[in-house]
N, C-alpha and C. Protein backbone atom coordinates (compact mmCIF):
# COMPACT_ATOMS: atom_id res chain seq x y z
N MET A 1 70.81 112.86 136.04
CA MET A 1 71.69 111.78 136.39
C MET A 1 72.56 111.43 135.18
N VAL A 2 73.85 111.40 135.37
CA VAL A 2 74.79 111.12 134.29
C VAL A 2 74.60 109.68 133.81
N GLN A 3 74.55 109.53 132.48
CA GLN A 3 74.41 108.22 131.88
C GLN A 3 75.10 108.23 130.53
N PRO A 4 75.34 107.06 129.93
CA PRO A 4 75.98 107.05 128.61
C PRO A 4 75.12 107.83 127.60
N ILE A 5 75.79 108.63 126.80
CA ILE A 5 75.10 109.35 125.72
C ILE A 5 74.88 108.36 124.59
N PRO A 6 73.68 108.32 124.01
CA PRO A 6 73.42 107.34 122.94
C PRO A 6 74.42 107.45 121.79
N GLU A 7 74.87 106.30 121.36
CA GLU A 7 75.86 106.24 120.29
C GLU A 7 75.34 106.88 119.00
N TRP A 8 74.05 106.69 118.69
CA TRP A 8 73.49 107.27 117.46
C TRP A 8 73.61 108.78 117.48
N TRP A 9 73.39 109.40 118.66
CA TRP A 9 73.47 110.86 118.78
C TRP A 9 74.92 111.30 118.59
N CYS A 10 75.85 110.64 119.27
CA CYS A 10 77.27 110.99 119.15
C CYS A 10 77.73 110.89 117.71
N LYS A 11 77.38 109.81 117.03
CA LYS A 11 77.81 109.62 115.64
C LYS A 11 77.23 110.70 114.73
N ALA A 12 75.97 111.03 114.93
CA ALA A 12 75.34 112.06 114.11
C ALA A 12 75.99 113.42 114.33
N VAL A 13 76.26 113.76 115.59
CA VAL A 13 76.88 115.04 115.91
C VAL A 13 78.30 115.10 115.38
N VAL A 14 79.07 114.04 115.56
CA VAL A 14 80.45 114.01 115.06
C VAL A 14 80.47 114.17 113.55
N LYS A 15 79.56 113.49 112.86
CA LYS A 15 79.49 113.59 111.40
C LYS A 15 79.31 115.04 110.96
N VAL A 16 78.46 115.77 111.65
CA VAL A 16 78.24 117.18 111.32
C VAL A 16 79.47 118.01 111.66
N ILE A 17 80.01 117.84 112.85
CA ILE A 17 81.16 118.66 113.26
C ILE A 17 82.37 118.40 112.37
N GLU A 18 82.54 117.18 111.91
CA GLU A 18 83.68 116.88 111.03
C GLU A 18 83.65 117.67 109.72
N THR A 19 82.52 118.25 109.37
CA THR A 19 82.44 119.06 108.16
C THR A 19 83.12 120.42 108.35
N TYR A 20 83.22 120.89 109.58
CA TYR A 20 83.76 122.22 109.89
C TYR A 20 83.00 123.31 109.12
N ASP A 21 81.79 123.04 108.75
CA ASP A 21 81.01 123.93 107.89
C ASP A 21 79.99 124.72 108.70
N SER A 22 80.11 126.03 108.67
CA SER A 22 79.21 126.88 109.45
C SER A 22 77.76 126.84 108.96
N ARG A 23 77.53 126.29 107.78
CA ARG A 23 76.14 126.12 107.33
C ARG A 23 75.44 125.03 108.13
N PHE A 24 76.24 124.13 108.73
CA PHE A 24 75.68 123.01 109.47
C PHE A 24 75.98 123.07 110.97
N ILE A 25 76.94 123.89 111.36
CA ILE A 25 77.32 124.01 112.77
C ILE A 25 77.04 125.44 113.21
N GLY A 26 76.05 125.58 114.08
CA GLY A 26 75.72 126.89 114.62
C GLY A 26 76.18 127.02 116.06
N TRP A 27 76.38 128.22 116.48
CA TRP A 27 76.73 128.53 117.87
C TRP A 27 75.78 129.62 118.35
N THR A 28 75.31 129.51 119.57
CA THR A 28 74.58 130.65 120.13
C THR A 28 75.62 131.75 120.36
N PRO A 29 75.20 133.00 120.30
CA PRO A 29 76.17 134.09 120.56
C PRO A 29 76.84 133.95 121.92
N GLN A 30 76.08 133.58 122.93
CA GLN A 30 76.65 133.44 124.27
C GLN A 30 77.66 132.30 124.32
N ALA A 31 77.37 131.20 123.63
CA ALA A 31 78.30 130.06 123.64
C ALA A 31 79.63 130.46 123.00
N TYR A 32 79.58 131.14 121.86
CA TYR A 32 80.83 131.53 121.22
C TYR A 32 81.58 132.59 122.03
N GLN A 33 80.87 133.53 122.58
CA GLN A 33 81.50 134.57 123.39
C GLN A 33 82.25 133.95 124.57
N ARG A 34 81.61 133.02 125.25
CA ARG A 34 82.25 132.40 126.40
C ARG A 34 83.40 131.49 125.97
N TRP A 35 83.24 130.73 124.89
CA TRP A 35 84.32 129.90 124.35
C TRP A 35 85.54 130.77 124.06
N HIS A 36 85.32 131.84 123.33
CA HIS A 36 86.40 132.74 122.91
C HIS A 36 87.12 133.32 124.13
N ALA A 37 86.36 133.70 125.15
CA ALA A 37 86.96 134.28 126.37
C ALA A 37 87.70 133.21 127.19
N ASP A 38 87.09 132.06 127.38
CA ASP A 38 87.68 131.02 128.23
C ASP A 38 88.89 130.34 127.60
N THR A 39 89.04 130.46 126.28
CA THR A 39 90.18 129.83 125.60
C THR A 39 91.19 130.88 125.14
N PHE A 40 91.04 132.08 125.63
CA PHE A 40 91.96 133.17 125.31
C PHE A 40 92.08 133.42 123.81
N GLY A 41 90.91 133.48 123.16
CA GLY A 41 90.88 133.89 121.76
C GLY A 41 90.76 132.80 120.72
N CYS A 42 90.55 131.58 121.12
CA CYS A 42 90.41 130.50 120.13
C CYS A 42 89.13 130.70 119.30
N ILE A 43 89.23 130.33 118.04
CA ILE A 43 88.07 130.43 117.16
C ILE A 43 87.24 129.14 117.25
N LYS A 44 86.07 129.18 116.65
CA LYS A 44 85.15 128.04 116.73
C LYS A 44 85.80 126.75 116.24
N GLY A 45 86.48 126.80 115.11
CA GLY A 45 87.09 125.61 114.53
C GLY A 45 88.09 124.92 115.44
N GLU A 46 88.65 125.67 116.38
CA GLU A 46 89.61 125.07 117.30
C GLU A 46 88.92 124.22 118.37
N ALA A 47 87.61 124.37 118.50
CA ALA A 47 86.85 123.54 119.44
C ALA A 47 86.54 122.17 118.84
N TYR A 48 86.46 122.09 117.53
CA TYR A 48 85.94 120.90 116.89
C TYR A 48 86.75 119.63 117.13
N PRO A 49 88.09 119.66 117.07
CA PRO A 49 88.82 118.41 117.35
C PRO A 49 88.55 117.87 118.75
N ALA A 50 88.47 118.76 119.75
CA ALA A 50 88.21 118.31 121.12
C ALA A 50 86.80 117.74 121.25
N LEU A 51 85.84 118.37 120.60
CA LEU A 51 84.46 117.86 120.65
C LEU A 51 84.36 116.51 119.94
N ILE A 52 85.01 116.39 118.79
CA ILE A 52 85.01 115.13 118.05
C ILE A 52 85.65 114.03 118.88
N ASP A 53 86.79 114.32 119.48
CA ASP A 53 87.47 113.31 120.32
C ASP A 53 86.58 112.86 121.47
N ALA A 54 85.97 113.82 122.15
CA ALA A 54 85.12 113.48 123.31
C ALA A 54 83.93 112.63 122.88
N LEU A 55 83.25 113.05 121.83
CA LEU A 55 82.04 112.35 121.42
C LEU A 55 82.32 111.05 120.68
N SER A 56 83.56 110.82 120.30
CA SER A 56 83.95 109.56 119.66
C SER A 56 84.44 108.54 120.69
N ALA A 57 84.65 108.98 121.92
CA ALA A 57 85.15 108.08 122.97
C ALA A 57 84.05 107.09 123.36
N PRO A 58 84.38 105.81 123.42
CA PRO A 58 83.38 104.83 123.83
C PRO A 58 82.86 105.12 125.24
N GLY A 59 81.58 105.07 125.40
CA GLY A 59 80.98 105.22 126.72
C GLY A 59 80.97 106.63 127.28
N ILE A 60 81.09 107.65 126.43
CA ILE A 60 81.01 109.02 126.95
C ILE A 60 79.68 109.20 127.68
N THR A 61 79.74 109.89 128.80
CA THR A 61 78.54 110.09 129.60
C THR A 61 78.15 111.55 129.63
N GLY A 62 76.89 111.78 129.95
CA GLY A 62 76.37 113.13 130.03
C GLY A 62 74.92 113.10 130.47
N ASN A 63 74.27 114.20 130.26
CA ASN A 63 72.85 114.32 130.61
C ASN A 63 72.07 114.84 129.41
N GLU A 64 70.92 114.25 129.18
CA GLU A 64 70.03 114.81 128.17
C GLU A 64 69.43 116.09 128.75
N THR A 65 69.36 117.11 127.93
CA THR A 65 68.80 118.38 128.37
C THR A 65 67.59 118.71 127.50
N THR A 66 66.95 119.78 127.80
CA THR A 66 65.75 120.17 127.09
C THR A 66 66.04 120.45 125.63
N ALA A 67 65.34 119.77 124.75
CA ALA A 67 65.42 120.04 123.32
C ALA A 67 64.27 120.98 122.97
N PHE A 68 64.54 121.93 122.13
CA PHE A 68 63.53 122.90 121.72
C PHE A 68 62.96 122.51 120.36
N PRO A 69 61.88 123.14 119.93
CA PRO A 69 61.31 122.81 118.63
C PRO A 69 62.38 122.85 117.54
N GLY A 70 62.38 121.82 116.71
CA GLY A 70 63.37 121.70 115.65
C GLY A 70 64.61 120.93 116.06
N GLN A 71 64.69 120.58 117.34
CA GLN A 71 65.84 119.82 117.84
C GLN A 71 65.41 118.40 118.18
N LYS A 72 66.22 117.45 117.76
CA LYS A 72 65.92 116.04 118.03
C LYS A 72 66.31 115.68 119.46
N ALA A 73 67.51 116.10 119.88
CA ALA A 73 68.00 115.81 121.23
C ALA A 73 69.17 116.74 121.52
N ALA A 74 69.33 117.05 122.80
CA ALA A 74 70.45 117.88 123.26
C ALA A 74 71.07 117.20 124.48
N TYR A 75 72.40 117.22 124.53
CA TYR A 75 73.12 116.61 125.65
C TYR A 75 74.20 117.54 126.16
N GLU A 76 74.44 117.46 127.47
CA GLU A 76 75.57 118.15 128.08
C GLU A 76 76.59 117.10 128.47
N PHE A 77 77.87 117.49 128.43
CA PHE A 77 78.96 116.55 128.70
C PHE A 77 80.22 117.35 129.02
N LEU A 78 81.21 116.66 129.53
CA LEU A 78 82.51 117.28 129.81
C LEU A 78 83.50 116.80 128.75
N PHE A 79 84.43 117.68 128.39
CA PHE A 79 85.48 117.31 127.44
C PHE A 79 86.76 118.05 127.78
N THR A 80 87.86 117.56 127.24
CA THR A 80 89.16 118.17 127.50
C THR A 80 89.60 118.94 126.27
N PHE A 81 90.08 120.15 126.49
CA PHE A 81 90.57 120.99 125.41
C PHE A 81 92.03 121.32 125.66
N GLN A 82 92.86 121.11 124.65
CA GLN A 82 94.27 121.49 124.74
C GLN A 82 94.48 122.71 123.86
N HIS A 83 94.91 123.80 124.49
CA HIS A 83 95.10 125.04 123.75
C HIS A 83 96.17 124.86 122.68
N PRO A 84 95.90 125.26 121.43
CA PRO A 84 96.85 125.01 120.36
C PRO A 84 98.18 125.76 120.50
N GLN A 85 98.18 126.91 121.13
CA GLN A 85 99.43 127.66 121.27
C GLN A 85 100.18 127.30 122.55
N SER A 86 99.49 127.30 123.67
CA SER A 86 100.17 127.09 124.95
C SER A 86 100.35 125.61 125.30
N GLY A 87 99.49 124.76 124.74
CA GLY A 87 99.53 123.35 125.09
C GLY A 87 98.84 123.03 126.40
N ASN A 88 98.35 124.06 127.10
CA ASN A 88 97.64 123.84 128.37
C ASN A 88 96.34 123.09 128.10
N ARG A 89 96.03 122.16 129.01
CA ARG A 89 94.80 121.38 128.91
C ARG A 89 93.84 121.85 130.00
N LYS A 90 92.56 121.90 129.65
CA LYS A 90 91.57 122.25 130.66
C LYS A 90 90.30 121.47 130.43
N LEU A 91 89.59 121.24 131.52
CA LEU A 91 88.31 120.54 131.46
C LEU A 91 87.25 121.55 131.05
N MET A 92 86.46 121.16 130.07
CA MET A 92 85.44 122.05 129.51
C MET A 92 84.05 121.40 129.64
N TYR A 93 83.05 122.26 129.65
CA TYR A 93 81.65 121.84 129.66
C TYR A 93 81.08 122.11 128.28
N GLY A 94 80.42 121.12 127.70
CA GLY A 94 79.79 121.31 126.41
C GLY A 94 78.33 120.93 126.44
N LYS A 95 77.56 121.61 125.61
CA LYS A 95 76.15 121.25 125.43
C LYS A 95 75.83 121.49 123.95
N ILE A 96 75.34 120.44 123.31
CA ILE A 96 75.07 120.50 121.87
C ILE A 96 73.68 119.94 121.59
N ALA A 97 72.97 120.60 120.68
CA ALA A 97 71.67 120.11 120.22
C ALA A 97 71.80 119.63 118.77
N LEU A 98 71.18 118.52 118.49
CA LEU A 98 71.10 117.96 117.14
C LEU A 98 69.72 118.28 116.59
N THR A 99 69.66 118.82 115.38
CA THR A 99 68.36 119.18 114.80
C THR A 99 67.59 117.93 114.39
N THR A 100 66.30 118.08 114.21
CA THR A 100 65.45 116.93 113.89
C THR A 100 65.84 116.29 112.57
N ASP A 101 66.41 117.05 111.64
CA ASP A 101 66.83 116.46 110.37
C ASP A 101 68.20 115.78 110.48
N ALA A 102 68.85 115.91 111.62
CA ALA A 102 70.15 115.30 111.93
C ALA A 102 71.27 115.75 110.99
N VAL A 103 71.11 116.91 110.36
CA VAL A 103 72.18 117.42 109.50
C VAL A 103 72.77 118.74 110.02
N ARG A 104 72.27 119.21 111.14
CA ARG A 104 72.79 120.43 111.74
C ARG A 104 72.91 120.24 113.24
N VAL A 105 73.86 120.98 113.83
CA VAL A 105 73.99 121.01 115.28
C VAL A 105 74.03 122.46 115.72
N LEU A 106 73.69 122.67 116.97
CA LEU A 106 73.79 123.99 117.58
C LEU A 106 74.58 123.83 118.87
N VAL A 107 75.72 124.51 118.93
CA VAL A 107 76.54 124.50 120.14
C VAL A 107 75.91 125.50 121.10
N LEU A 108 75.41 124.98 122.20
CA LEU A 108 74.74 125.80 123.20
C LEU A 108 75.70 126.26 124.29
N SER A 109 76.74 125.48 124.54
CA SER A 109 77.76 125.82 125.53
C SER A 109 79.07 125.14 125.17
N ALA A 110 80.16 125.83 125.41
CA ALA A 110 81.51 125.27 125.28
C ALA A 110 82.42 126.22 126.07
N HIS A 111 82.57 125.91 127.34
CA HIS A 111 83.34 126.80 128.22
C HIS A 111 84.01 126.01 129.33
N THR A 112 84.85 126.68 130.08
CA THR A 112 85.53 126.03 131.19
C THR A 112 84.51 125.45 132.15
N ALA A 113 84.72 124.19 132.51
CA ALA A 113 83.81 123.53 133.44
C ALA A 113 83.93 124.19 134.81
N GLU A 114 82.80 124.40 135.43
CA GLU A 114 82.78 125.02 136.76
C GLU A 114 83.04 124.00 137.88
N ARG A 115 82.89 122.72 137.54
CA ARG A 115 83.21 121.65 138.48
C ARG A 115 83.62 120.42 137.67
N SER A 116 84.18 119.44 138.31
CA SER A 116 84.75 118.29 137.61
C SER A 116 83.73 117.20 137.29
N THR A 117 82.48 117.38 137.70
CA THR A 117 81.42 116.43 137.39
C THR A 117 80.20 117.20 136.92
N LEU A 118 79.30 116.49 136.24
CA LEU A 118 78.05 117.13 135.80
C LEU A 118 77.07 117.18 136.95
């Protein structure tokens, strides 16, 4: 059931993503492969402004998903991505896990949304 994502989680994730540092931001191979394909070749760093904007929005909603060992919490949510070259906007699905130490994130999904709601 969609509900507001906790502000503490959003702030912690945004803080990590704002570093643009691959030592702290991981992607599963499948997440990056699908991101790259669905955005017609965009690199990981091109996802970060859209993720930061979405997670900084007051009252962003989503669903808590299964966190695995070493993860504090994981959430899925929808966000909007504007392609840097074409300017086209599309609705995207994201899923990110925050590690228990709250200094790393793992992007589990970042691809075109299959529907307009979670």
